[in-house]
N, C-alpha and C. Protein backbone atom coordinates (compact mmCIF):
# COMPACT_ATOMS: atom_id res chain seq x y z
N MET A 1 0.84 -1.16 0.00
CA MET A 1 0.00 0.00 0.00
C MET A 1 0.89 1.24 0.00
N THR A 2 0.73 2.04 -1.00
CA THR A 2 1.52 3.26 -1.10
C THR A 2 0.66 4.46 -0.80
N THR A 3 1.30 5.41 -0.19
CA THR A 3 0.58 6.65 0.08
C THR A 3 1.27 7.78 -0.66
N LYS A 4 0.48 8.65 -1.21
CA LYS A 4 1.02 9.81 -1.91
C LYS A 4 0.98 10.99 -0.95
N ARG A 5 2.07 11.71 -0.96
CA ARG A 5 2.15 12.87 -0.09
C ARG A 5 2.06 14.11 -0.97
N ALA A 6 1.33 15.06 -0.56
CA ALA A 6 1.21 16.30 -1.32
C ALA A 6 2.50 17.09 -1.17
N ILE A 7 2.94 17.68 -2.27
CA ILE A 7 4.17 18.48 -2.25
C ILE A 7 3.78 19.92 -1.93
N SER A 8 4.35 20.44 -0.87
CA SER A 8 4.04 21.81 -0.48
C SER A 8 4.75 22.80 -1.39
N GLY A 9 4.37 24.05 -1.29
CA GLY A 9 4.98 25.11 -2.10
C GLY A 9 6.47 25.24 -1.81
N LEU A 10 6.89 25.09 -0.55
CA LEU A 10 8.29 25.19 -0.18
C LEU A 10 9.09 24.03 -0.78
N ASP A 11 8.52 22.83 -0.77
CA ASP A 11 9.19 21.66 -1.36
C ASP A 11 9.35 21.85 -2.87
N ARG A 12 8.33 22.39 -3.53
CA ARG A 12 8.43 22.65 -4.97
C ARG A 12 9.55 23.64 -5.26
N PHE A 13 9.62 24.69 -4.44
CA PHE A 13 10.66 25.69 -4.63
C PHE A 13 12.04 25.08 -4.47
N ARG A 14 12.24 24.25 -3.45
CA ARG A 14 13.53 23.60 -3.22
C ARG A 14 13.89 22.68 -4.39
N LEU A 15 12.92 21.91 -4.86
CA LEU A 15 13.15 21.00 -5.97
C LEU A 15 13.52 21.78 -7.24
N LEU A 16 12.76 22.84 -7.53
CA LEU A 16 13.02 23.65 -8.72
C LEU A 16 14.35 24.38 -8.62
N SER A 17 14.65 24.98 -7.48
CA SER A 17 15.91 25.72 -7.35
C SER A 17 17.11 24.77 -7.41
N GLY A 18 16.96 23.57 -6.87
CA GLY A 18 18.04 22.59 -6.97
C GLY A 18 18.29 22.17 -8.41
N THR A 19 17.22 21.98 -9.17
CA THR A 19 17.34 21.61 -10.59
C THR A 19 17.95 22.74 -11.39
N VAL A 20 17.48 23.96 -11.18
CA VAL A 20 18.03 25.11 -11.89
C VAL A 20 19.49 25.32 -11.52
N GLY A 21 19.83 25.15 -10.26
CA GLY A 21 21.22 25.30 -9.83
C GLY A 21 22.13 24.26 -10.48
N LEU A 22 21.66 23.02 -10.57
CA LEU A 22 22.44 21.97 -11.20
C LEU A 22 22.63 22.24 -12.69
N VAL A 23 21.58 22.68 -13.36
CA VAL A 23 21.67 23.01 -14.79
C VAL A 23 22.65 24.17 -14.97
N GLY A 24 22.58 25.18 -14.13
CA GLY A 24 23.50 26.31 -14.22
C GLY A 24 24.94 25.90 -13.98
N LEU A 25 25.16 25.01 -13.03
CA LEU A 25 26.51 24.53 -12.75
C LEU A 25 27.08 23.77 -13.94
N VAL A 26 26.29 22.88 -14.52
CA VAL A 26 26.75 22.11 -15.68
C VAL A 26 27.03 23.05 -16.85
N ALA A 27 26.15 24.01 -17.10
CA ALA A 27 26.37 24.95 -18.20
C ALA A 27 27.62 25.78 -17.97
N GLY A 28 27.86 26.18 -16.73
CA GLY A 28 29.07 26.95 -16.42
C GLY A 28 30.33 26.14 -16.63
N LEU A 29 30.28 24.87 -16.24
CA LEU A 29 31.46 24.02 -16.41
C LEU A 29 31.73 23.73 -17.88
N VAL A 30 30.69 23.46 -18.65
CA VAL A 30 30.87 23.14 -20.06
C VAL A 30 31.25 24.39 -20.84
N GLY A 31 30.57 25.50 -20.59
CA GLY A 31 30.81 26.72 -21.36
C GLY A 31 32.05 27.46 -20.94
N GLY A 32 32.53 27.27 -19.73
CA GLY A 32 33.65 28.05 -19.23
C GLY A 32 34.95 27.29 -19.18
N CYS A 33 35.16 26.38 -20.10
CA CYS A 33 36.33 25.52 -20.03
C CYS A 33 37.59 26.13 -20.63
N GLY A 34 37.47 27.10 -21.51
CA GLY A 34 38.65 27.62 -22.19
C GLY A 34 38.98 29.04 -21.78
N VAL A 35 40.15 29.49 -22.20
CA VAL A 35 40.60 30.84 -21.87
C VAL A 35 40.32 31.82 -23.00
N MET A 36 39.95 31.32 -24.15
CA MET A 36 39.63 32.18 -25.28
C MET A 36 38.23 32.76 -25.10
N SER A 37 37.98 33.89 -25.75
CA SER A 37 36.67 34.52 -25.66
C SER A 37 35.60 33.63 -26.29
N HIS A 38 34.36 33.89 -25.94
CA HIS A 38 33.25 33.11 -26.48
C HIS A 38 33.21 33.22 -28.01
N ARG A 39 33.43 34.41 -28.52
CA ARG A 39 33.42 34.62 -29.97
C ARG A 39 34.46 33.74 -30.67
N THR A 40 35.68 33.73 -30.14
CA THR A 40 36.75 32.92 -30.72
C THR A 40 36.41 31.45 -30.62
N MET A 41 35.88 31.02 -29.48
CA MET A 41 35.53 29.61 -29.28
C MET A 41 34.47 29.16 -30.30
N VAL A 42 33.48 30.02 -30.56
CA VAL A 42 32.40 29.67 -31.47
C VAL A 42 32.90 29.63 -32.92
N GLU A 43 33.74 30.59 -33.30
CA GLU A 43 34.18 30.70 -34.69
C GLU A 43 35.35 29.76 -35.04
N ALA A 44 36.06 29.28 -34.05
CA ALA A 44 37.25 28.45 -34.30
C ALA A 44 36.85 27.06 -34.81
N GLU A 45 37.73 26.51 -35.62
CA GLU A 45 37.56 25.14 -36.09
C GLU A 45 37.62 24.20 -34.89
N PRO A 46 36.92 23.07 -34.98
CA PRO A 46 37.06 22.09 -33.90
C PRO A 46 38.53 21.67 -33.79
N ALA A 47 38.88 21.11 -32.65
CA ALA A 47 40.28 20.75 -32.41
C ALA A 47 40.85 19.93 -33.57
N ILE A 48 41.87 20.48 -34.21
CA ILE A 48 42.54 19.83 -35.34
C ILE A 48 43.94 19.48 -34.87
N PRO A 49 44.40 18.25 -35.08
CA PRO A 49 45.77 17.91 -34.68
C PRO A 49 46.77 18.86 -35.34
N PHE A 50 47.73 19.32 -34.55
CA PHE A 50 48.70 20.28 -35.07
C PHE A 50 49.48 19.72 -36.25
N SER A 51 49.80 18.43 -36.21
CA SER A 51 50.56 17.84 -37.32
C SER A 51 49.78 17.95 -38.63
N LEU A 52 48.45 17.82 -38.56
CA LEU A 52 47.62 17.97 -39.75
C LEU A 52 47.58 19.43 -40.20
N LEU A 53 47.47 20.34 -39.26
CA LEU A 53 47.48 21.77 -39.59
C LEU A 53 48.77 22.15 -40.31
N ALA A 54 49.90 21.71 -39.76
CA ALA A 54 51.20 22.07 -40.33
C ALA A 54 51.40 21.41 -41.70
N ALA A 55 50.95 20.17 -41.85
CA ALA A 55 51.15 19.45 -43.12
C ALA A 55 50.25 19.97 -44.23
N ARG A 56 49.04 20.44 -43.86
CA ARG A 56 48.08 20.90 -44.87
C ARG A 56 47.64 22.33 -44.58
N ALA A 57 48.59 23.21 -44.32
CA ALA A 57 48.28 24.60 -43.96
C ALA A 57 47.47 25.31 -45.04
N ASP A 58 47.74 25.00 -46.31
CA ASP A 58 47.00 25.66 -47.39
C ASP A 58 45.52 25.32 -47.35
N ASP A 59 45.17 24.10 -46.92
CA ASP A 59 43.77 23.70 -46.83
C ASP A 59 43.03 24.45 -45.72
N PHE A 60 43.76 24.91 -44.71
CA PHE A 60 43.14 25.60 -43.58
C PHE A 60 43.33 27.11 -43.63
N GLU A 61 43.92 27.61 -44.71
CA GLU A 61 44.19 29.05 -44.82
C GLU A 61 42.90 29.85 -44.69
N GLY A 62 42.96 30.90 -43.86
CA GLY A 62 41.80 31.75 -43.62
C GLY A 62 40.88 31.27 -42.52
N ARG A 63 41.15 30.11 -41.96
CA ARG A 63 40.31 29.57 -40.89
C ARG A 63 40.90 29.89 -39.52
N LEU A 64 40.03 30.07 -38.56
CA LEU A 64 40.43 30.38 -37.19
C LEU A 64 40.69 29.08 -36.43
N VAL A 65 41.85 28.99 -35.79
CA VAL A 65 42.22 27.81 -35.00
C VAL A 65 42.73 28.27 -33.63
N ILE A 66 42.71 27.35 -32.68
CA ILE A 66 43.25 27.62 -31.34
C ILE A 66 44.39 26.64 -31.11
N VAL A 67 45.58 27.18 -30.88
CA VAL A 67 46.77 26.38 -30.62
C VAL A 67 47.52 27.00 -29.44
N GLY A 68 48.47 26.27 -28.91
CA GLY A 68 49.23 26.79 -27.78
C GLY A 68 50.59 26.17 -27.70
N GLY A 69 51.39 26.69 -26.78
CA GLY A 69 52.73 26.17 -26.59
C GLY A 69 53.56 27.07 -25.72
N TYR A 70 54.87 27.04 -25.98
CA TYR A 70 55.85 27.75 -25.16
C TYR A 70 56.59 28.76 -26.02
N VAL A 71 56.69 30.00 -25.53
CA VAL A 71 57.37 31.07 -26.27
C VAL A 71 58.84 30.70 -26.46
N LEU A 72 59.30 30.82 -27.71
CA LEU A 72 60.71 30.62 -28.02
C LEU A 72 61.40 31.95 -28.27
N GLU A 73 60.68 32.87 -28.92
CA GLU A 73 61.31 34.12 -29.33
C GLU A 73 60.24 35.17 -29.62
N VAL A 74 60.58 36.43 -29.36
CA VAL A 74 59.72 37.57 -29.69
C VAL A 74 60.54 38.51 -30.58
N ARG A 75 60.01 38.81 -31.77
CA ARG A 75 60.68 39.73 -32.70
C ARG A 75 59.76 40.92 -32.95
N ASN A 76 60.15 42.07 -32.44
CA ASN A 76 59.37 43.28 -32.66
C ASN A 76 59.86 43.97 -33.91
N ARG A 77 58.93 44.27 -34.79
CA ARG A 77 59.23 44.96 -36.04
C ARG A 77 58.44 46.26 -36.06
N ASN A 78 58.55 47.01 -37.15
CA ASN A 78 57.91 48.33 -37.23
C ASN A 78 56.44 48.33 -36.84
N ALA A 79 55.64 47.57 -37.54
CA ALA A 79 54.19 47.63 -37.32
C ALA A 79 53.62 46.37 -36.67
N GLN A 80 54.46 45.42 -36.33
CA GLN A 80 53.93 44.18 -35.77
C GLN A 80 54.98 43.46 -34.93
N THR A 81 54.50 42.46 -34.20
CA THR A 81 55.38 41.57 -33.43
C THR A 81 55.22 40.17 -33.99
N LEU A 82 56.32 39.48 -34.09
CA LEU A 82 56.31 38.08 -34.52
C LEU A 82 56.68 37.24 -33.31
N LEU A 83 55.78 36.36 -32.91
CA LEU A 83 55.97 35.50 -31.76
C LEU A 83 56.25 34.09 -32.28
N VAL A 84 57.38 33.51 -31.90
CA VAL A 84 57.74 32.16 -32.31
C VAL A 84 57.45 31.24 -31.12
N VAL A 85 56.68 30.17 -31.38
CA VAL A 85 56.18 29.32 -30.29
C VAL A 85 56.47 27.85 -30.60
N LEU A 86 56.91 27.12 -29.58
CA LEU A 86 57.04 25.67 -29.66
C LEU A 86 55.67 25.10 -29.30
N GLN A 87 55.03 24.44 -30.25
CA GLN A 87 53.67 23.94 -30.05
C GLN A 87 53.66 22.86 -28.97
N ALA A 88 52.57 22.83 -28.21
CA ALA A 88 52.31 21.76 -27.24
C ALA A 88 50.82 21.49 -27.27
N PRO A 89 50.41 20.24 -27.08
CA PRO A 89 48.97 19.94 -27.05
C PRO A 89 48.30 20.70 -25.90
N LEU A 90 47.02 21.01 -26.08
CA LEU A 90 46.27 21.74 -25.07
C LEU A 90 45.41 20.79 -24.25
N ASP A 91 45.25 21.12 -22.96
CA ASP A 91 44.34 20.32 -22.13
C ASP A 91 42.92 20.86 -22.29
N GLY A 92 41.98 20.37 -21.50
CA GLY A 92 40.59 20.77 -21.61
C GLY A 92 40.35 22.24 -21.32
N GLY A 93 41.24 22.87 -20.56
CA GLY A 93 41.14 24.29 -20.27
C GLY A 93 41.96 25.14 -21.21
N GLN A 94 42.46 24.53 -22.28
CA GLN A 94 43.28 25.17 -23.31
C GLN A 94 44.66 25.60 -22.80
N GLU A 95 45.14 24.97 -21.75
CA GLU A 95 46.48 25.24 -21.25
C GLU A 95 47.46 24.28 -21.92
N PRO A 96 48.60 24.79 -22.40
CA PRO A 96 49.58 23.90 -23.03
C PRO A 96 50.10 22.86 -22.04
N LEU A 97 50.20 21.62 -22.54
CA LEU A 97 50.74 20.53 -21.74
C LEU A 97 52.26 20.49 -21.90
N ASP A 98 52.85 19.37 -21.64
CA ASP A 98 54.30 19.19 -21.66
C ASP A 98 54.90 19.51 -23.03
N ALA A 99 55.97 20.30 -23.04
CA ALA A 99 56.65 20.67 -24.29
C ALA A 99 57.29 19.47 -24.98
N ASP A 100 57.56 18.41 -24.24
CA ASP A 100 58.14 17.20 -24.84
C ASP A 100 57.18 16.54 -25.82
N ARG A 101 55.90 16.89 -25.76
CA ARG A 101 54.90 16.31 -26.66
C ARG A 101 54.65 17.21 -27.88
N SER A 102 55.53 18.14 -28.13
CA SER A 102 55.39 19.09 -29.24
C SER A 102 55.39 18.38 -30.59
N GLU A 103 54.61 18.94 -31.51
CA GLU A 103 54.56 18.43 -32.88
C GLU A 103 55.13 19.46 -33.87
N GLY A 104 55.82 20.48 -33.36
CA GLY A 104 56.42 21.45 -34.25
C GLY A 104 56.42 22.85 -33.67
N ARG A 105 56.61 23.81 -34.54
CA ARG A 105 56.65 25.22 -34.15
C ARG A 105 55.66 26.00 -34.98
N PHE A 106 55.25 27.15 -34.43
CA PHE A 106 54.43 28.05 -35.23
C PHE A 106 54.79 29.49 -34.92
N MET A 107 54.42 30.38 -35.84
CA MET A 107 54.66 31.81 -35.69
C MET A 107 53.32 32.52 -35.61
N VAL A 108 53.27 33.57 -34.81
CA VAL A 108 52.07 34.37 -34.66
C VAL A 108 52.42 35.81 -35.00
N ARG A 109 51.72 36.38 -35.97
CA ARG A 109 51.87 37.80 -36.28
C ARG A 109 50.84 38.56 -35.48
N HIS A 110 51.32 39.52 -34.70
CA HIS A 110 50.43 40.32 -33.85
C HIS A 110 50.61 41.78 -34.23
N ASP A 111 49.52 42.52 -34.37
CA ASP A 111 49.59 43.89 -34.88
C ASP A 111 50.00 44.94 -33.85
N ARG A 112 50.33 44.54 -32.64
CA ARG A 112 50.79 45.48 -31.63
C ARG A 112 52.08 44.99 -31.00
N PHE A 113 52.68 45.85 -30.21
CA PHE A 113 53.94 45.54 -29.52
C PHE A 113 53.69 44.53 -28.41
N LEU A 114 54.50 43.48 -28.38
CA LEU A 114 54.51 42.53 -27.27
C LEU A 114 55.88 42.63 -26.61
N ASP A 115 55.89 42.96 -25.35
CA ASP A 115 57.14 43.20 -24.64
C ASP A 115 57.91 41.89 -24.43
N PRO A 116 59.15 41.81 -24.93
CA PRO A 116 59.94 40.59 -24.76
C PRO A 116 60.28 40.28 -23.30
N GLU A 117 60.18 41.27 -22.43
CA GLU A 117 60.43 41.03 -21.00
C GLU A 117 59.22 40.38 -20.34
N VAL A 118 58.06 40.50 -20.97
CA VAL A 118 56.85 39.85 -20.45
C VAL A 118 56.68 38.49 -21.13
N PHE A 119 56.80 38.47 -22.45
CA PHE A 119 56.69 37.24 -23.23
C PHE A 119 58.08 36.59 -23.29
N THR A 120 58.57 36.17 -22.15
CA THR A 120 59.92 35.61 -22.07
C THR A 120 59.93 34.16 -22.54
N LYS A 121 61.12 33.70 -22.88
CA LYS A 121 61.28 32.33 -23.36
C LYS A 121 60.78 31.34 -22.32
N GLY A 122 59.97 30.40 -22.76
CA GLY A 122 59.45 29.37 -21.88
C GLY A 122 58.08 29.64 -21.32
N ARG A 123 57.54 30.86 -21.47
CA ARG A 123 56.19 31.16 -20.97
C ARG A 123 55.15 30.45 -21.82
N LYS A 124 54.08 29.99 -21.20
CA LYS A 124 53.00 29.33 -21.91
C LYS A 124 52.07 30.36 -22.53
N VAL A 125 51.63 30.09 -23.78
CA VAL A 125 50.65 30.93 -24.45
C VAL A 125 49.60 30.05 -25.13
N THR A 126 48.40 30.57 -25.20
CA THR A 126 47.34 29.97 -26.01
C THR A 126 46.91 31.04 -26.98
N VAL A 127 46.80 30.67 -28.26
CA VAL A 127 46.57 31.64 -29.32
C VAL A 127 45.34 31.24 -30.13
N GLY A 128 44.46 32.20 -30.36
CA GLY A 128 43.39 32.05 -31.34
C GLY A 128 43.83 32.86 -32.54
N GLY A 129 44.05 32.20 -33.68
CA GLY A 129 44.57 32.92 -34.83
C GLY A 129 44.07 32.36 -36.15
N ILE A 130 44.18 33.19 -37.18
CA ILE A 130 43.75 32.81 -38.52
C ILE A 130 44.95 32.28 -39.28
N VAL A 131 44.81 31.09 -39.84
CA VAL A 131 45.91 30.44 -40.56
C VAL A 131 46.27 31.25 -41.79
N GLN A 132 47.56 31.58 -41.92
CA GLN A 132 48.07 32.34 -43.06
C GLN A 132 48.90 31.49 -44.01
N GLY A 133 49.21 30.26 -43.62
CA GLY A 133 50.02 29.38 -44.45
C GLY A 133 51.28 28.97 -43.73
N LEU A 134 52.34 28.69 -44.49
CA LEU A 134 53.62 28.28 -43.93
C LEU A 134 54.68 29.34 -44.22
N THR A 135 55.60 29.51 -43.28
CA THR A 135 56.78 30.36 -43.46
C THR A 135 57.98 29.46 -43.22
N ARG A 136 58.94 29.52 -44.12
CA ARG A 136 60.14 28.69 -43.97
C ARG A 136 61.29 29.56 -43.50
N GLU A 137 61.92 29.13 -42.40
CA GLU A 137 63.09 29.82 -41.85
C GLU A 137 64.14 28.81 -41.46
N ALA A 138 65.37 29.26 -41.44
CA ALA A 138 66.48 28.35 -41.13
C ALA A 138 66.57 28.08 -39.63
N ILE A 139 66.76 26.80 -39.33
CA ILE A 139 67.17 26.35 -38.00
C ILE A 139 68.43 25.55 -38.28
N GLY A 140 69.57 26.12 -37.92
CA GLY A 140 70.84 25.49 -38.29
C GLY A 140 71.02 25.57 -39.80
N ASP A 141 71.24 24.44 -40.44
CA ASP A 141 71.43 24.41 -41.89
C ASP A 141 70.17 24.08 -42.66
N ASP A 142 69.10 23.73 -41.98
CA ASP A 142 67.87 23.31 -42.65
C ASP A 142 66.81 24.40 -42.62
N LEU A 143 65.95 24.41 -43.66
CA LEU A 143 64.78 25.28 -43.66
C LEU A 143 63.64 24.56 -42.94
N TYR A 144 63.06 25.23 -41.97
CA TYR A 144 62.01 24.63 -41.16
C TYR A 144 60.68 25.30 -41.50
N PRO A 145 59.61 24.51 -41.74
CA PRO A 145 58.31 25.11 -42.04
C PRO A 145 57.55 25.47 -40.75
N TYR A 146 57.25 26.73 -40.58
CA TYR A 146 56.47 27.21 -39.44
C TYR A 146 55.03 27.47 -39.89
N LEU A 147 54.06 26.89 -39.21
CA LEU A 147 52.68 27.29 -39.43
C LEU A 147 52.59 28.75 -39.00
N THR A 148 51.98 29.60 -39.82
CA THR A 148 51.92 31.03 -39.51
C THR A 148 50.47 31.45 -39.31
N LEU A 149 50.24 32.16 -38.20
CA LEU A 149 48.90 32.63 -37.84
C LEU A 149 48.88 34.14 -37.71
N GLU A 150 47.75 34.73 -38.03
CA GLU A 150 47.48 36.14 -37.74
C GLU A 150 46.66 36.14 -36.45
N SER A 151 47.17 36.76 -35.39
CA SER A 151 46.51 36.64 -34.08
C SER A 151 45.17 37.35 -34.03
N ARG A 152 44.26 36.71 -33.38
CA ARG A 152 43.01 37.36 -33.01
C ARG A 152 43.02 37.56 -31.50
N GLU A 153 43.59 36.58 -30.81
CA GLU A 153 43.62 36.61 -29.35
C GLU A 153 44.83 35.84 -28.85
N ILE A 154 45.52 36.40 -27.86
CA ILE A 154 46.66 35.72 -27.24
C ILE A 154 46.44 35.72 -25.73
N PHE A 155 46.54 34.54 -25.13
CA PHE A 155 46.43 34.42 -23.68
C PHE A 155 47.78 33.98 -23.14
N LEU A 156 48.37 34.81 -22.29
CA LEU A 156 49.65 34.51 -21.66
C LEU A 156 49.37 33.94 -20.28
N TRP A 157 49.84 32.71 -20.04
CA TRP A 157 49.60 32.03 -18.77
C TRP A 157 50.52 32.59 -17.69
N GLU A 158 50.05 32.49 -16.46
CA GLU A 158 50.86 32.91 -15.30
C GLU A 158 52.16 32.12 -15.26
N LYS A 159 53.21 32.75 -14.75
CA LYS A 159 54.46 32.02 -14.54
C LYS A 159 54.22 30.97 -13.47
N GLU A 160 54.81 29.81 -13.67
CA GLU A 160 54.65 28.75 -12.68
C GLU A 160 55.65 28.96 -11.57
N THR A 161 55.16 28.96 -10.36
CA THR A 161 56.04 29.07 -9.20
C THR A 161 55.82 27.83 -8.35
N TYR A 162 56.89 27.36 -7.80
CA TYR A 162 56.82 26.15 -6.99
C TYR A 162 57.10 26.52 -5.54
N PRO A 163 56.17 26.18 -4.63
CA PRO A 163 56.40 26.50 -3.22
C PRO A 163 57.47 25.59 -2.65
N PRO A 164 58.12 26.04 -1.57
CA PRO A 164 59.11 25.17 -0.93
C PRO A 164 58.42 23.91 -0.39
N PRO A 165 59.17 22.86 -0.19
CA PRO A 165 58.57 21.62 0.33
C PRO A 165 57.89 21.86 1.67
N ALA A 166 56.83 21.13 1.91
CA ALA A 166 56.07 21.27 3.16
C ALA A 166 56.97 21.00 4.35
N GLY A 167 56.84 21.83 5.37
CA GLY A 167 57.60 21.64 6.59
C GLY A 167 59.03 22.13 6.51
N SER A 168 59.40 22.81 5.43
CA SER A 168 60.79 23.26 5.32
C SER A 168 60.97 24.61 6.00
N SER A 169 62.19 24.96 6.20
CA SER A 169 62.55 26.22 6.86
C SER A 169 62.24 27.41 5.96
N PRO A 170 61.95 28.59 6.54
CA PRO A 170 61.75 29.78 5.72
C PRO A 170 63.04 30.17 4.99
N TYR A 171 64.17 29.62 5.40
CA TYR A 171 65.45 29.92 4.78
C TYR A 171 65.82 28.86 3.73
N TYR A 172 64.83 28.03 3.37
CA TYR A 172 65.07 26.95 2.40
C TYR A 172 65.58 27.50 1.08
N ARG A 173 66.64 26.90 0.56
CA ARG A 173 67.14 27.21 -0.78
C ARG A 173 67.42 25.88 -1.46
N PRO A 174 66.88 25.70 -2.65
CA PRO A 174 67.14 24.43 -3.33
C PRO A 174 68.60 24.32 -3.74
N TYR A 175 69.05 23.10 -3.93
CA TYR A 175 70.41 22.83 -4.41
C TYR A 175 70.58 23.47 -5.77
N PRO A 176 71.65 24.04 -6.23
CA PRO A 176 72.96 24.05 -5.58
C PRO A 176 73.04 25.14 -4.50
N TYR A 177 73.72 24.82 -3.43
CA TYR A 177 73.89 25.75 -2.33
C TYR A 177 74.87 26.84 -2.74
N GLU A 178 74.66 28.02 -2.17
CA GLU A 178 75.52 29.14 -2.51
C GLU A 178 76.07 29.77 -1.24
N GLY A 179 77.13 30.51 -1.37
CA GLY A 179 77.68 31.23 -0.24
C GLY A 179 78.92 30.56 0.31
N PRO A 180 79.61 31.26 1.21
CA PRO A 180 80.88 30.75 1.70
C PRO A 180 80.76 29.47 2.51
N PHE A 181 79.63 29.26 3.20
CA PHE A 181 79.48 28.08 4.03
C PHE A 181 78.65 26.99 3.37
N HIS A 182 78.22 27.26 2.13
CA HIS A 182 77.35 26.30 1.44
C HIS A 182 77.89 25.99 0.05
N ASP A 183 79.18 25.71 -0.03
CA ASP A 183 79.76 25.47 -1.34
C ASP A 183 79.60 24.03 -1.81
N ARG A 184 79.05 23.18 -0.99
CA ARG A 184 78.73 21.81 -1.41
C ARG A 184 77.51 21.37 -0.60
N PRO A 185 76.79 20.36 -1.09
CA PRO A 185 75.53 20.01 -0.44
C PRO A 185 75.68 19.60 1.02
N PHE A 186 76.76 18.88 1.37
CA PHE A 186 76.93 18.46 2.75
C PHE A 186 78.32 18.92 3.21
N PRO A 187 78.36 19.97 4.04
CA PRO A 187 79.65 20.52 4.42
C PRO A 187 80.50 19.57 5.25
N TYR A 188 79.94 18.56 5.86
CA TYR A 188 80.70 17.63 6.68
C TYR A 188 80.56 16.23 6.14
N ARG A 189 81.65 15.50 6.17
CA ARG A 189 81.60 14.09 5.76
C ARG A 189 81.23 13.24 6.96
N TYR A 190 80.48 12.23 6.72
CA TYR A 190 80.08 11.32 7.80
C TYR A 190 80.78 10.02 7.65
């Protein structure tokens, strides 16, 4: 024997607000996953493997793509800046992953000055840009093909800082030790 209980107005409100809150949370998580603007996210091509982009750059010319990696060099010229980047795959939040997984290099033409003291070597960037084709430049004795983009948006990631190990002294300094009394890791032999 089952009994039905009438749902009061307060119970309906709790049920509805919980459902709306859950829907809002899911929409926020799905829609807010990247660092690029909504406009760039909507207009960009779906994730294309970088190796395919670089191999068939002419097929993607004029299309908006999102790529990322690590700054190698900044070249400021009269009317633009050329940013040279070591490509790295992006995670779900569009942050570049390990540089060891790189599939090549790309160049970004940006119409404004980018300070080389801010865009230093090794900083992570995510770029929304329009494919312009390939540019060939020498690396050593060989000509290397760089995928070239015209920037629409550049996101510079925070510098990574590593806290000292838990429970360590406020005077903690990682190896190598420096100073007159710290010229080797263990000043006394045991």
